[in-house]
Amino acid sequence: MRFKVDEDIHSEVAKWLRLRGHDALSVGEQGHQGCPNAGLASVCQHEDRVLITQDLDFSNILVYPPENFPGIAPLRLADQSKRSCLAALERLLAVSSPETIARSLWIVDESQIRVRAGRMDK
């Protein structure tokens, strides 16, 4: 899968994803630090990348309708350490595929993954 790792996620997560065969770029690697959310969302659309973020603003389906994006995966973690992020991503990768994550919002926390599929009539 193709991922964009937001700057609020541990810097080694993109590398970790690449080691598992995914095409992953971080906001920092591309020099997009400080980019407004709307700009980052646009970059993800243009690059066809699933956004991995801890910014819960991306959970707002009125502002970021899932059907308009390659996928949005906010990590809603009390413990935002690298270890916790990687554990959450392991769980996400185990149950998702490019087909299932596309046009969907996947909210991942320590105990569950909630999925909201985008509307298909758009």
PDB file of N, CA and C in Angstrom:
ATOM      1  N   MET A   1       0.835  -1.179   0.000  1.00  0.00           N
ATOM      2  CA  MET A   1       0.000   0.000   0.000  1.00  0.00           C
ATOM      3  C   MET A   1       0.882   1.246   0.000  1.00  0.00           C
ATOM      4  N   ARG A   2       0.279   2.344  -0.391  1.00  0.00           N
ATOM      5  CA  ARG A   2       0.978   3.628  -0.433  1.00  0.00           C
ATOM      6  C   ARG A   2       0.529   4.473   0.754  1.00  0.00           C
ATOM      7  N   PHE A   3       1.496   4.909   1.559  1.00  0.00           N
ATOM      8  CA  PHE A   3       1.191   5.654   2.774  1.00  0.00           C
ATOM      9  C   PHE A   3       1.914   6.989   2.815  1.00  0.00           C
ATOM     10  N   LYS A   4       1.267   7.957   3.464  1.00  0.00           N
ATOM     11  CA  LYS A   4       1.888   9.220   3.853  1.00  0.00           C
ATOM     12  C   LYS A   4       1.829   9.248   5.374  1.00  0.00           C
ATOM     13  N   VAL A   5       2.986   9.375   6.016  1.00  0.00           N
ATOM     14  CA  VAL A   5       3.078   9.390   7.477  1.00  0.00           C
ATOM     15  C   VAL A   5       3.197  10.842   7.933  1.00  0.00           C
ATOM     16  N   ASP A   6       2.224  11.284   8.708  1.00  0.00           N
ATOM     17  CA  ASP A   6       2.173  12.669   9.173  1.00  0.00           C
ATOM     18  C   ASP A   6       3.329  12.960  10.131  1.00  0.00           C
ATOM     19  N   GLU A   7       3.619  14.235  10.317  1.00  0.00           N
ATOM     20  CA  GLU A   7       4.737  14.639  11.164  1.00  0.00           C
ATOM     21  C   GLU A   7       4.495  14.374  12.644  1.00  0.00           C
ATOM     22  N   ASP A   8       3.253  14.089  13.038  1.00  0.00           N
ATOM     23  CA  ASP A   8       2.969  13.795  14.444  1.00  0.00           C
ATOM     24  C   ASP A   8       3.162  12.315  14.792  1.00  0.00           C
ATOM     25  N   ILE A   9       3.590  11.539  13.827  1.00  0.00           N
ATOM     26  CA  ILE A   9       3.886  10.112  14.014  1.00  0.00           C
ATOM     27  C   ILE A   9       5.404   9.963  14.097  1.00  0.00           C
ATOM     28  N   HIS A  10       5.859   9.007  14.872  1.00  0.00           N
ATOM     29  CA  HIS A  10       7.303   8.793  15.057  1.00  0.00           C
ATOM     30  C   HIS A  10       8.012   8.732  13.701  1.00  0.00           C
ATOM     31  N   SER A  11       9.155   9.362  13.618  1.00  0.00           N
ATOM     32  CA  SER A  11       9.882   9.512  12.353  1.00  0.00           C
ATOM     33  C   SER A  11      10.310   8.193  11.716  1.00  0.00           C
ATOM     34  N   GLU A  12      10.411   7.122  12.470  1.00  0.00           N
ATOM     35  CA  GLU A  12      10.856   5.842  11.904  1.00  0.00           C
ATOM     36  C   GLU A  12       9.721   4.992  11.341  1.00  0.00           C
ATOM     37  N   VAL A  13       8.486   5.445  11.465  1.00  0.00           N
ATOM     38  CA  VAL A  13       7.353   4.637  11.015  1.00  0.00           C
ATOM     39  C   VAL A  13       7.373   4.438   9.498  1.00  0.00           C
ATOM     40  N   ALA A  14       7.699   5.461   8.723  1.00  0.00           N
ATOM     41  CA  ALA A  14       7.755   5.309   7.264  1.00  0.00           C
ATOM     42  C   ALA A  14       8.792   4.257   6.882  1.00  0.00           C
ATOM     43  N   LYS A  15       9.939   4.289   7.513  1.00  0.00           N
ATOM     44  CA  LYS A  15      10.975   3.283   7.242  1.00  0.00           C
ATOM     45  C   LYS A  15      10.465   1.889   7.604  1.00  0.00           C
ATOM     46  N   TRP A  16       9.804   1.762   8.745  1.00  0.00           N
ATOM     47  CA  TRP A  16       9.244   0.490   9.198  1.00  0.00           C
ATOM     48  C   TRP A  16       8.255  -0.052   8.168  1.00  0.00           C
ATOM     49  N   LEU A  17       7.414   0.825   7.611  1.00  0.00           N
ATOM     50  CA  LEU A  17       6.458   0.404   6.587  1.00  0.00           C
ATOM     51  C   LEU A  17       7.176  -0.048   5.313  1.00  0.00           C
ATOM     52  N   ARG A  18       8.219   0.680   4.919  1.00  0.00           N
ATOM     53  CA  ARG A  18       8.980   0.295   3.720  1.00  0.00           C
ATOM     54  C   ARG A  18       9.632  -1.071   3.893  1.00  0.00           C
ATOM     55  N   LEU A  19      10.130  -1.348   5.086  1.00  0.00           N
ATOM     56  CA  LEU A  19      10.741  -2.657   5.349  1.00  0.00           C
ATOM     57  C   LEU A  19       9.723  -3.784   5.221  1.00  0.00           C
ATOM     58  N   ARG A  20       8.453  -3.471   5.312  1.00  0.00           N
ATOM     59  CA  ARG A  20       7.382  -4.453   5.166  1.00  0.00           C
ATOM     60  C   ARG A  20       6.790  -4.445   3.757  1.00  0.00           C
ATOM     61  N   GLY A  21       7.468  -3.789   2.833  1.00  0.00           N
ATOM     62  CA  GLY A  21       7.073  -3.836   1.433  1.00  0.00           C
ATOM     63  C   GLY A  21       6.104  -2.763   0.974  1.00  0.00           C
ATOM     64  N   HIS A  22       5.834  -1.785   1.809  1.00  0.00           N
ATOM     65  CA  HIS A  22       4.905  -0.720   1.439  1.00  0.00           C
ATOM     66  C   HIS A  22       5.660   0.486   0.885  1.00  0.00           C
ATOM     67  N   ASP A  23       4.976   1.264   0.095  1.00  0.00           N
ATOM     68  CA  ASP A  23       5.501   2.517  -0.438  1.00  0.00           C
ATOM     69  C   ASP A  23       5.092   3.603   0.557  1.00  0.00           C
ATOM     70  N   ALA A  24       6.014   4.037   1.382  1.00  0.00           N
ATOM     71  CA  ALA A  24       5.690   4.992   2.447  1.00  0.00           C
ATOM     72  C   ALA A  24       6.637   6.179   2.423  1.00  0.00           C
ATOM     73  N   LEU A  25       6.058   7.361   2.545  1.00  0.00           N
ATOM     74  CA  LEU A  25       6.824   8.599   2.650  1.00  0.00           C
ATOM     75  C   LEU A  25       6.319   9.365   3.859  1.00  0.00           C
ATOM     76  N   SER A  26       7.225  10.036   4.528  1.00  0.00           N
ATOM     77  CA  SER A  26       6.805  10.855   5.663  1.00  0.00           C
ATOM     78  C   SER A  26       6.741  12.319   5.238  1.00  0.00           C
ATOM     79  N   VAL A  27       5.947  13.064   5.975  1.00  0.00           N
ATOM     80  CA  VAL A  27       5.848  14.503   5.748  1.00  0.00           C
ATOM     81  C   VAL A  27       7.238  15.131   5.866  1.00  0.00           C
ATOM     82  N   GLY A  28       8.007  14.707   6.861  1.00  0.00           N
ATOM     83  CA  GLY A  28       9.353  15.239   7.061  1.00  0.00           C
ATOM     84  C   GLY A  28      10.289  14.949   5.908  1.00  0.00           C
ATOM     85  N   GLU A  29      10.224  13.740   5.357  1.00  0.00           N
ATOM     86  CA  GLU A  29      11.089  13.374   4.233  1.00  0.00           C
ATOM     87  C   GLU A  29      10.825  14.245   3.009  1.00  0.00           C
ATOM     88  N   GLN A  30       9.604  14.704   2.879  1.00  0.00           N
ATOM     89  CA  GLN A  30       9.247  15.509   1.714  1.00  0.00           C
ATOM     90  C   GLN A  30       9.288  17.009   1.986  1.00  0.00           C
ATOM     91  N   GLY A  31       9.682  17.385   3.202  1.00  0.00           N
ATOM     92  CA  GLY A  31       9.785  18.799   3.532  1.00  0.00           C
ATOM     93  C   GLY A  31       8.455  19.511   3.698  1.00  0.00           C
ATOM     94  N   HIS A  32       7.420  18.771   4.068  1.00  0.00           N
ATOM     95  CA  HIS A  32       6.095  19.364   4.243  1.00  0.00           C
ATOM     96  C   HIS A  32       5.763  19.660   5.700  1.00  0.00           C
ATOM     97  N   GLN A  33       6.766  19.752   6.576  1.00  0.00           N
ATOM     98  CA  GLN A  33       6.498  20.047   7.980  1.00  0.00           C
ATOM     99  C   GLN A  33       5.732  21.359   8.086  1.00  0.00           C
ATOM    100  N   GLY A  34       4.749  21.379   8.983  1.00  0.00           N
ATOM    101  CA  GLY A  34       3.971  22.589   9.192  1.00  0.00           C
ATOM    102  C   GLY A  34       2.901  22.840   8.148  1.00  0.00           C
ATOM    103  N   CYS A  35       2.764  21.931   7.207  1.00  0.00           N
ATOM    104  CA  CYS A  35       1.749  22.073   6.161  1.00  0.00           C
ATOM    105  C   CYS A  35       0.359  22.048   6.800  1.00  0.00           C
ATOM    106  N   PRO A  36      -0.527  22.966   6.439  1.00  0.00           N
ATOM    107  CA  PRO A  36      -1.893  22.928   6.980  1.00  0.00           C
ATOM    108  C   PRO A  36      -2.583  21.614   6.608  1.00  0.00           C
ATOM    109  N   ASN A  37      -3.563  21.226   7.411  1.00  0.00           N
ATOM    110  CA  ASN A  37      -4.259  19.962   7.166  1.00  0.00           C
ATOM    111  C   ASN A  37      -4.842  19.876   5.761  1.00  0.00           C
ATOM    112  N   ALA A  38      -5.448  20.958   5.291  1.00  0.00           N
ATOM    113  CA  ALA A  38      -6.038  20.943   3.952  1.00  0.00           C
ATOM    114  C   ALA A  38      -4.968  20.697   2.887  1.00  0.00           C
ATOM    115  N   GLY A  39      -3.798  21.280   3.076  1.00  0.00           N
ATOM    116  CA  GLY A  39      -2.698  21.062   2.140  1.00  0.00           C
ATOM    117  C   GLY A  39      -2.206  19.631   2.166  1.00  0.00           C
ATOM    118  N   LEU A  40      -2.077  19.072   3.366  1.00  0.00           N
ATOM    119  CA  LEU A  40      -1.643  17.677   3.494  1.00  0.00           C
ATOM    120  C   LEU A  40      -2.673  16.742   2.873  1.00  0.00           C
ATOM    121  N   ALA A  41      -3.945  17.015   3.096  1.00  0.00           N
ATOM    122  CA  ALA A  41      -5.003  16.196   2.504  1.00  0.00           C
ATOM    123  C   ALA A  41      -4.913  16.230   0.980  1.00  0.00           C
ATOM    124  N   SER A  42      -4.654  17.406   0.430  1.00  0.00           N
ATOM    125  CA  SER A  42      -4.523  17.553  -1.018  1.00  0.00           C
ATOM    126  C   SER A  42      -3.324  16.774  -1.554  1.00  0.00           C
ATOM    127  N   VAL A  43      -2.204  16.820  -0.836  1.00  0.00           N
ATOM    128  CA  VAL A  43      -1.009  16.063  -1.234  1.00  0.00           C
ATOM    129  C   VAL A  43      -1.325  14.567  -1.256  1.00  0.00           C
ATOM    130  N   CYS A  44      -2.020  14.086  -0.236  1.00  0.00           N
ATOM    131  CA  CYS A  44      -2.374  12.659  -0.175  1.00  0.00           C
ATOM    132  C   CYS A  44      -3.272  12.267  -1.346  1.00  0.00           C
ATOM    133  N   GLN A  45      -4.213  13.139  -1.692  1.00  0.00           N
ATOM    134  CA  GLN A  45      -5.076  12.869  -2.844  1.00  0.00           C
ATOM    135  C   GLN A  45      -4.244  12.809  -4.122  1.00  0.00           C
ATOM    136  N   HIS A  46      -3.397  13.803  -4.317  1.00  0.00           N
ATOM    137  CA  HIS A  46      -2.580  13.886  -5.533  1.00  0.00           C
ATOM    138  C   HIS A  46      -1.633  12.690  -5.659  1.00  0.00           C
ATOM    139  N   GLU A  47      -1.031  12.271  -4.532  1.00  0.00           N
ATOM    140  CA  GLU A  47      -0.072  11.163  -4.546  1.00  0.00           C
ATOM    141  C   GLU A  47      -0.741   9.802  -4.380  1.00  0.00           C
ATOM    142  N   ASP A  48      -2.049   9.785  -4.173  1.00  0.00           N
ATOM    143  CA  ASP A  48      -2.811   8.548  -3.958  1.00  0.00           C
ATOM    144  C   ASP A  48      -2.235   7.743  -2.792  1.00  0.00           C
ATOM    145  N   ARG A  49      -2.116   8.417  -1.638  1.00  0.00           N
ATOM    146  CA  ARG A  49      -1.545   7.792  -0.441  1.00  0.00           C
ATOM    147  C   ARG A  49      -2.528   7.828   0.723  1.00  0.00           C
ATOM    148  N   VAL A  50      -2.550   6.747   1.478  1.00  0.00           N
ATOM    149  CA  VAL A  50      -3.323   6.661   2.716  1.00  0.00           C
ATOM    150  C   VAL A  50      -2.587   7.482   3.771  1.00  0.00           C
ATOM    151  N   LEU A  51      -3.307   8.365   4.439  1.00  0.00           N
ATOM    152  CA  LEU A  51      -2.701   9.202   5.474  1.00  0.00           C
ATOM    153  C   LEU A  51      -2.742   8.496   6.818  1.00  0.00           C
ATOM    154  N   ILE A  52      -1.583   8.359   7.446  1.00  0.00           N
ATOM    155  CA  ILE A  52      -1.475   7.871   8.818  1.00  0.00           C
ATOM    156  C   ILE A  52      -1.128   9.082   9.674  1.00  0.00           C
ATOM    157  N   THR A  53      -1.963   9.355  10.672  1.00  0.00           N
ATOM    158  CA  THR A  53      -1.809  10.568  11.465  1.00  0.00           C
ATOM    159  C   THR A  53      -2.313  10.353  12.884  1.00  0.00           C
ATOM    160  N   GLN A  54      -1.907  11.230  13.784  1.00  0.00           N
ATOM    161  CA  GLN A  54      -2.504  11.264  15.113  1.00  0.00           C
ATOM    162  C   GLN A  54      -3.376  12.509  15.267  1.00  0.00           C
ATOM    163  N   ASP A  55      -3.523  13.263  14.208  1.00  0.00           N
ATOM    164  CA  ASP A  55      -4.343  14.470  14.201  1.00  0.00           C
ATOM    165  C   ASP A  55      -5.804  14.054  14.024  1.00  0.00           C
ATOM    166  N   LEU A  56      -6.565  14.142  15.092  1.00  0.00           N
ATOM    167  CA  LEU A  56      -7.951  13.682  15.056  1.00  0.00           C
ATOM    168  C   LEU A  56      -8.864  14.587  14.237  1.00  0.00           C
ATOM    169  N   ASP A  57      -8.364  15.741  13.789  1.00  0.00           N
ATOM    170  CA  ASP A  57      -9.156  16.572  12.878  1.00  0.00           C
ATOM    171  C   ASP A  57      -9.504  15.791  11.613  1.00  0.00           C
ATOM    172  N   PHE A  58      -8.629  14.873  11.211  1.00  0.00           N
ATOM    173  CA  PHE A  58      -8.870  14.080  10.004  1.00  0.00           C
ATOM    174  C   PHE A  58      -9.989  13.058  10.194  1.00  0.00           C
ATOM    175  N   SER A  59     -10.480  12.902  11.425  1.00  0.00           N
ATOM    176  CA  SER A  59     -11.619  12.016  11.697  1.00  0.00           C
ATOM    177  C   SER A  59     -12.949  12.687  11.380  1.00  0.00           C
ATOM    178  N   ASN A  60     -12.925  13.976  11.128  1.00  0.00           N
ATOM    179  CA  ASN A  60     -14.148  14.726  10.850  1.00  0.00           C
ATOM    180  C   ASN A  60     -14.578  14.476   9.406  1.00  0.00           C
ATOM    181  N   ILE A  61     -15.614  13.649   9.239  1.00  0.00           N
ATOM    182  CA  ILE A  61     -16.034  13.264   7.887  1.00  0.00           C
ATOM    183  C   ILE A  61     -16.726  14.394   7.134  1.00  0.00           C
ATOM    184  N   LEU A  62     -17.119  15.449   7.831  1.00  0.00           N
ATOM    185  CA  LEU A  62     -17.701  16.598   7.139  1.00  0.00           C
ATOM    186  C   LEU A  62     -16.613  17.427   6.461  1.00  0.00           C
ATOM    187  N   VAL A  63     -15.455  17.492   7.080  1.00  0.00           N
ATOM    188  CA  VAL A  63     -14.330  18.243   6.523  1.00  0.00           C
ATOM    189  C   VAL A  63     -13.509  17.364   5.576  1.00  0.00           C
ATOM    190  N   TYR A  64     -13.326  16.101   5.951  1.00  0.00           N
ATOM    191  CA  TYR A  64     -12.526  15.154   5.162  1.00  0.00           C
ATOM    192  C   TYR A  64     -13.376  13.923   4.848  1.00  0.00           C
ATOM    193  N   PRO A  65     -14.312  14.044   3.888  1.00  0.00           N
ATOM    194  CA  PRO A  65     -15.165  12.901   3.553  1.00  0.00           C
ATOM    195  C   PRO A  65     -14.313  11.731   3.048  1.00  0.00           C
ATOM    196  N   PRO A  66     -14.435  10.561   3.662  1.00  0.00           N
ATOM    197  CA  PRO A  66     -13.571   9.436   3.294  1.00  0.00           C
ATOM    198  C   PRO A  66     -13.604   9.094   1.808  1.00  0.00           C
ATOM    199  N   GLU A  67     -14.760   9.279   1.176  1.00  0.00           N
ATOM    200  CA  GLU A  67     -14.873   8.916  -0.239  1.00  0.00           C
ATOM    201  C   GLU A  67     -13.994   9.776  -1.139  1.00  0.00           C
ATOM    202  N   ASN A  68     -13.488  10.882  -0.634  1.00  0.00           N
ATOM    203  CA  ASN A  68     -12.642  11.771  -1.435  1.00  0.00           C
ATOM    204  C   ASN A  68     -11.152  11.498  -1.274  1.00  0.00           C
ATOM    205  N   PHE A  69     -10.806  10.465  -0.507  1.00  0.00           N
ATOM    206  CA  PHE A  69      -9.399  10.224  -0.182  1.00  0.00           C
ATOM    207  C   PHE A  69      -9.011   8.764  -0.399  1.00  0.00           C
ATOM    208  N   PRO A  70      -7.729   8.517  -0.653  1.00  0.00           N
ATOM    209  CA  PRO A  70      -7.248   7.140  -0.804  1.00  0.00           C
ATOM    210  C   PRO A  70      -7.377   6.323   0.481  1.00  0.00           C
ATOM    211  N   GLY A  71      -7.614   6.994   1.588  1.00  0.00           N
ATOM    212  CA  GLY A  71      -7.750   6.353   2.896  1.00  0.00           C
ATOM    213  C   GLY A  71      -7.197   7.279   3.961  1.00  0.00           C
ATOM    214  N   ILE A  72      -7.839   7.263   5.120  1.00  0.00           N
ATOM    215  CA  ILE A  72      -7.379   8.070   6.250  1.00  0.00           C
ATOM    216  C   ILE A  72      -7.335   7.153   7.459  1.00  0.00           C
ATOM    217  N   ALA A  73      -6.198   7.130   8.143  1.00  0.00           N
ATOM    218  CA  ALA A  73      -6.026   6.242   9.299  1.00  0.00           C
ATOM    219  C   ALA A  73      -5.491   7.025  10.494  1.00  0.00           C
ATOM    220  N   PRO A  74      -6.384   7.686  11.236  1.00  0.00           N
ATOM    221  CA  PRO A  74      -5.940   8.348  12.463  1.00  0.00           C
ATOM    222  C   PRO A  74      -5.669   7.325  13.563  1.00  0.00           C
ATOM    223  N   LEU A  75      -4.548   7.487  14.243  1.00  0.00           N
ATOM    224  CA  LEU A  75      -4.218   6.643  15.391  1.00  0.00           C
ATOM    225  C   LEU A  75      -4.640   7.410  16.634  1.00  0.00           C
ATOM    226  N   ARG A  76      -5.632   6.901  17.319  1.00  0.00           N
ATOM    227  CA  ARG A  76      -6.154   7.560  18.524  1.00  0.00           C
ATOM    228  C   ARG A  76      -5.604   6.807  19.728  1.00  0.00           C
ATOM    229  N   LEU A  77      -4.377   7.124  20.081  1.00  0.00           N
ATOM    230  CA  LEU A  77      -3.645   6.368  21.094  1.00  0.00           C
ATOM    231  C   LEU A  77      -3.345   7.228  22.312  1.00  0.00           C
ATOM    232  N   ALA A  78      -3.621   6.695  23.491  1.00  0.00           N
ATOM    233  CA  ALA A  78      -3.252   7.391  24.727  1.00  0.00           C
ATOM    234  C   ALA A  78      -1.732   7.437  24.851  1.00  0.00           C
ATOM    235  N   ASP A  79      -1.095   6.329  24.528  1.00  0.00           N
ATOM    236  CA  ASP A  79       0.369   6.230  24.521  1.00  0.00           C
ATOM    237  C   ASP A  79       0.822   6.433  23.080  1.00  0.00           C
ATOM    238  N   GLN A  80       1.439   7.560  22.790  1.00  0.00           N
ATOM    239  CA  GLN A  80       1.828   7.881  21.423  1.00  0.00           C
ATOM    240  C   GLN A  80       3.290   7.556  21.126  1.00  0.00           C
ATOM    241  N   SER A  81       3.838   6.615  21.866  1.00  0.00           N
ATOM    242  CA  SER A  81       5.227   6.216  21.657  1.00  0.00           C
ATOM    243  C   SER A  81       5.370   5.452  20.343  1.00  0.00           C
ATOM    244  N   LYS A  82       6.604   5.322  19.896  1.00  0.00           N
ATOM    245  CA  LYS A  82       6.896   4.557  18.686  1.00  0.00           C
ATOM    246  C   LYS A  82       6.350   3.140  18.819  1.00  0.00           C
ATOM    247  N   ARG A  83       6.591   2.520  19.943  1.00  0.00           N
ATOM    248  CA  ARG A  83       6.154   1.132  20.159  1.00  0.00           C
ATOM    249  C   ARG A  83       4.634   1.005  20.024  1.00  0.00           C
ATOM    250  N   SER A  84       3.899   1.920  20.624  1.00  0.00           N
ATOM    251  CA  SER A  84       2.442   1.894  20.560  1.00  0.00           C
ATOM    252  C   SER A  84       1.944   2.135  19.131  1.00  0.00           C
ATOM    253  N   CYS A  85       2.574   3.070  18.426  1.00  0.00           N
ATOM    254  CA  CYS A  85       2.206   3.343  17.032  1.00  0.00           C
ATOM    255  C   CYS A  85       2.424   2.119  16.155  1.00  0.00           C
ATOM    256  N   LEU A  86       3.565   1.473  16.323  1.00  0.00           N
ATOM    257  CA  LEU A  86       3.859   0.292  15.511  1.00  0.00           C
ATOM    258  C   LEU A  86       2.892  -0.843  15.813  1.00  0.00           C
ATOM    259  N   ALA A  87       2.532  -1.025  17.073  1.00  0.00           N
ATOM    260  CA  ALA A  87       1.563  -2.066  17.436  1.00  0.00           C
ATOM    261  C   ALA A  87       0.206  -1.775  16.788  1.00  0.00           C
ATOM    262  N   ALA A  88      -0.202  -0.516  16.801  1.00  0.00           N
ATOM    263  CA  ALA A  88      -1.472  -0.138  16.179  1.00  0.00           C
ATOM    264  C   ALA A  88      -1.427  -0.379  14.673  1.00  0.00           C
ATOM    265  N   LEU A  89      -0.308  -0.042  14.049  1.00  0.00           N
ATOM    266  CA  LEU A  89      -0.182  -0.250  12.604  1.00  0.00           C
ATOM    267  C   LEU A  89      -0.127  -1.725  12.247  1.00  0.00           C
ATOM    268  N   GLU A  90       0.496  -2.540  13.081  1.00  0.00           N
ATOM    269  CA  GLU A  90       0.497  -3.998  12.860  1.00  0.00           C
ATOM    270  C   GLU A  90      -0.944  -4.499  12.795  1.00  0.00           C
ATOM    271  N   ARG A  91      -1.771  -4.033  13.719  1.00  0.00           N
ATOM    272  CA  ARG A  91      -3.174  -4.456  13.741  1.00  0.00           C
ATOM    273  C   ARG A  91      -3.918  -3.948  12.509  1.00  0.00           C
ATOM    274  N   LEU A  92      -3.655  -2.718  12.130  1.00  0.00           N
ATOM    275  CA  LEU A  92      -4.302  -2.153  10.949  1.00  0.00           C
ATOM    276  C   LEU A  92      -3.920  -2.932   9.691  1.00  0.00           C
ATOM    277  N   LEU A  93      -2.637  -3.185   9.509  1.00  0.00           N
ATOM    278  CA  LEU A  93      -2.171  -3.893   8.315  1.00  0.00           C
ATOM    279  C   LEU A  93      -2.699  -5.322   8.255  1.00  0.00           C
ATOM    280  N   ALA A  94      -2.920  -5.930   9.405  1.00  0.00           N
ATOM    281  CA  ALA A  94      -3.406  -7.313   9.446  1.00  0.00           C
ATOM    282  C   ALA A  94      -4.845  -7.435   8.940  1.00  0.00           C
ATOM    283  N   VAL A  95      -5.609  -6.359   9.017  1.00  0.00           N
ATOM    284  CA  VAL A  95      -7.027  -6.456   8.648  1.00  0.00           C
ATOM    285  C   VAL A  95      -7.407  -5.595   7.446  1.00  0.00           C
ATOM    286  N   SER A  96      -6.454  -4.903   6.851  1.00  0.00           N
ATOM    287  CA  SER A  96      -6.782  -4.017   5.734  1.00  0.00           C
ATOM    288  C   SER A  96      -6.037  -4.437   4.479  1.00  0.00           C
ATOM    289  N   SER A  97      -6.514  -3.920   3.366  1.00  0.00           N
ATOM    290  CA  SER A  97      -5.877  -4.125   2.066  1.00  0.00           C
ATOM    291  C   SER A  97      -6.089  -2.840   1.271  1.00  0.00           C
ATOM    292  N   PRO A  98      -5.413  -2.698   0.142  1.00  0.00           N
ATOM    293  CA  PRO A  98      -5.645  -1.487  -0.655  1.00  0.00           C
ATOM    294  C   PRO A  98      -7.125  -1.303  -1.018  1.00  0.00           C
ATOM    295  N   GLU A  99      -7.815  -2.403  -1.252  1.00  0.00           N
ATOM    296  CA  GLU A  99      -9.224  -2.326  -1.622  1.00  0.00           C
ATOM    297  C   GLU A  99     -10.108  -1.910  -0.446  1.00  0.00           C
ATOM    298  N   THR A 100      -9.820  -2.436   0.742  1.00  0.00           N
ATOM    299  CA  THR A 100     -10.690  -2.146   1.881  1.00  0.00           C
ATOM    300  C   THR A 100     -10.399  -0.787   2.509  1.00  0.00           C
ATOM    301  N   ILE A 101      -9.168  -0.327   2.411  1.00  0.00           N
ATOM    302  CA  ILE A 101      -8.825   0.944   3.057  1.00  0.00           C
ATOM    303  C   ILE A 101      -9.182   2.145   2.180  1.00  0.00           C
ATOM    304  N   ALA A 102      -9.263   1.923   0.870  1.00  0.00           N
ATOM    305  CA  ALA A 102      -9.563   3.016  -0.057  1.00  0.00           C
ATOM    306  C   ALA A 102     -10.932   3.615   0.242  1.00  0.00           C
ATOM    307  N   ARG A 103     -10.982   4.955   0.196  1.00  0.00           N
ATOM    308  CA  ARG A 103     -12.235   5.691   0.379  1.00  0.00           C
ATOM    309  C   ARG A 103     -12.889   5.386   1.720  1.00  0.00           C
ATOM    310  N   SER A 104     -12.052   5.118   2.736  1.00  0.00           N
ATOM    311  CA  SER A 104     -12.559   4.799   4.071  1.00  0.00           C
ATOM    312  C   SER A 104     -11.739   5.501   5.144  1.00  0.00           C
ATOM    313  N   LEU A 105     -12.376   5.656   6.299  1.00  0.00           N
ATOM    314  CA  LEU A 105     -11.740   6.208   7.489  1.00  0.00           C
ATOM    315  C   LEU A 105     -11.555   5.058   8.468  1.00  0.00           C
ATOM    316  N   TRP A 106     -10.308   4.816   8.889  1.00  0.00           N
ATOM    317  CA  TRP A 106      -9.980   3.739   9.826  1.00  0.00           C
ATOM    318  C   TRP A 106      -9.412   4.380  11.086  1.00  0.00           C
ATOM    319  N   ILE A 107     -10.188   4.426  12.149  1.00  0.00           N
ATOM    320  CA  ILE A 107      -9.735   5.008  13.413  1.00  0.00           C
ATOM    321  C   ILE A 107      -9.218   3.875  14.289  1.00  0.00           C
ATOM    322  N   VAL A 108      -7.933   3.950  14.618  1.00  0.00           N
ATOM    323  CA  VAL A 108      -7.272   2.870  15.354  1.00  0.00           C
ATOM    324  C   VAL A 108      -6.947   3.351  16.762  1.00  0.00           C
ATOM    325  N   ASP A 109      -7.408   2.603  17.767  1.00  0.00           N
ATOM    326  CA  ASP A 109      -6.987   2.880  19.137  1.00  0.00           C
ATOM    327  C   ASP A 109      -6.414   1.600  19.737  1.00  0.00           C
ATOM    328  N   GLU A 110      -6.137   1.619  21.022  1.00  0.00           N
ATOM    329  CA  GLU A 110      -5.479   0.471  21.652  1.00  0.00           C
ATOM    330  C   GLU A 110      -6.332  -0.792  21.652  1.00  0.00           C
ATOM    331  N   SER A 111      -7.642  -0.648  21.618  1.00  0.00           N
ATOM    332  CA  SER A 111      -8.496  -1.826  21.762  1.00  0.00           C
ATOM    333  C   SER A 111      -9.328  -2.181  20.536  1.00  0.00           C
ATOM    334  N   GLN A 112      -9.439  -1.275  19.580  1.00  0.00           N
ATOM    335  CA  GLN A 112     -10.297  -1.571  18.435  1.00  0.00           C
ATOM    336  C   GLN A 112      -9.910  -0.742  17.216  1.00  0.00           C
ATOM    337  N   ILE A 113     -10.484  -1.153  16.091  1.00  0.00           N
ATOM    338  CA  ILE A 113     -10.371  -0.394  14.846  1.00  0.00           C
ATOM    339  C   ILE A 113     -11.796  -0.145  14.367  1.00  0.00           C
ATOM    340  N   ARG A 114     -12.134   1.123  14.208  1.00  0.00           N
ATOM    341  CA  ARG A 114     -13.458   1.485  13.709  1.00  0.00           C
ATOM    342  C   ARG A 114     -13.315   1.946  12.265  1.00  0.00           C
ATOM    343  N   VAL A 115     -14.195   1.448  11.414  1.00  0.00           N
ATOM    344  CA  VAL A 115     -14.122   1.758   9.992  1.00  0.00           C
ATOM    345  C   VAL A 115     -15.399   2.466   9.565  1.00  0.00           C
ATOM    346  N   ARG A 116     -15.207   3.534   8.850  1.00  0.00           N
ATOM    347  CA  ARG A 116     -16.340   4.227   8.240  1.00  0.00           C
ATOM    348  C   ARG A 116     -16.039   4.329   6.750  1.00  0.00           C
ATOM    349  N   ALA A 117     -16.803   3.576   5.977  1.00  0.00           N
ATOM    350  CA  ALA A 117     -16.617   3.595   4.527  1.00  0.00           C
ATOM    351  C   ALA A 117     -17.214   4.874   3.966  1.00  0.00           C
ATOM    352  N   GLY A 118     -16.566   5.387   2.948  1.00  0.00           N
ATOM    353  CA  GLY A 118     -17.085   6.575   2.290  1.00  0.00           C
ATOM    354  C   GLY A 118     -18.328   6.254   1.490  1.00  0.00           C
ATOM    355  N   ARG A 119     -19.094   7.285   1.196  1.00  0.00           N
ATOM    356  CA  ARG A 119     -20.294   7.109   0.380  1.00  0.00           C
ATOM    357  C   ARG A 119     -19.883   6.741  -1.030  1.00  0.00           C
ATOM    358  N   MET A 120     -20.579   5.805  -1.610  1.00  0.00           N
ATOM    359  CA  MET A 120     -20.233   5.342  -2.949  1.00  0.00           C
ATOM    360  C   MET A 120     -20.984   6.085  -4.051  1.00  0.00           C
ATOM    361  N   ASP A 121     -21.929   6.955  -3.685  1.00  0.00           N
ATOM    362  CA  ASP A 121     -22.712   7.656  -4.696  1.00  0.00           C
ATOM    363  C   ASP A 121     -22.049   8.939  -5.167  1.00  0.00           C
ATOM    364  N   LYS A 122     -20.834   9.181  -4.725  1.00  0.00           N
ATOM    365  CA  LYS A 122     -20.133  10.405  -5.135  1.00  0.00           C
ATOM    366  C   LYS A 122     -19.185  10.110  -6.252  1.00  0.00           C
TER     367      LYS A 122
END
